[in-house]
Amino acid sequence: MPPWFCAIGGTSAGRSLPDLCIATYPLVKKKVPNLQMILVCGPRVPPESIKAPEGVKVLGYVPNLYRHLGAADLCIVSGGGTITLELTALEKPFLYFPLEKHFEQEVSVANVCKRHRAGVRMTSSKTTPESLAKAILSNLGKTVDYAKIPINGSKEAAKTIDGLL
């Protein structure tokens, strides 16, 4: 079975997300015995500061993380714009936790996800290990139908520049 990823991005602001995922892991493991979890701490949280149970692989910064996420059955991420768009483009099921009281993540990124019908928005302060386990089991390996992200931006920019010259 492909792994479930938990990634907090490039800051330590999402530090509570790994703890929540670790507390949830045994609940999901009971239902999916061959489950693998990979926790990516990013550059700001030392991997050795994470106390993970057996079966959870903890990594620090991972270059080209999107390539690894492409092999995942599910991703649980903070609500950053880059990772949510990458997961949308990869057509991977994901749960995302916008940082509370963070305008960009709670409004801008959430609206982009909504517009693309991508991801499941979660709220850290309202999510328990039991409710996260339920969301994971509902979305693990799910087939998604996200709106496509346009990939012809450079061609459109070239046409615009050509028209100006």
Foldseek 3Di string as FASTA:
>chain_A
DFAEEEEEPAECLVVVRVVLCQVLVVVLCVVVVVYAYEYEDEAYDDQVVDDHDPRYHYHYHDPPVLVSVLRFQEYEYEQDQPVQVSCLQSQHEYEYEYRPPDCCRVPVSVVVCVQFVHYHYDYPVPDHSVNVSVVCVVRGNDGDDTHHDDDCVVVVVVVVVVVVD
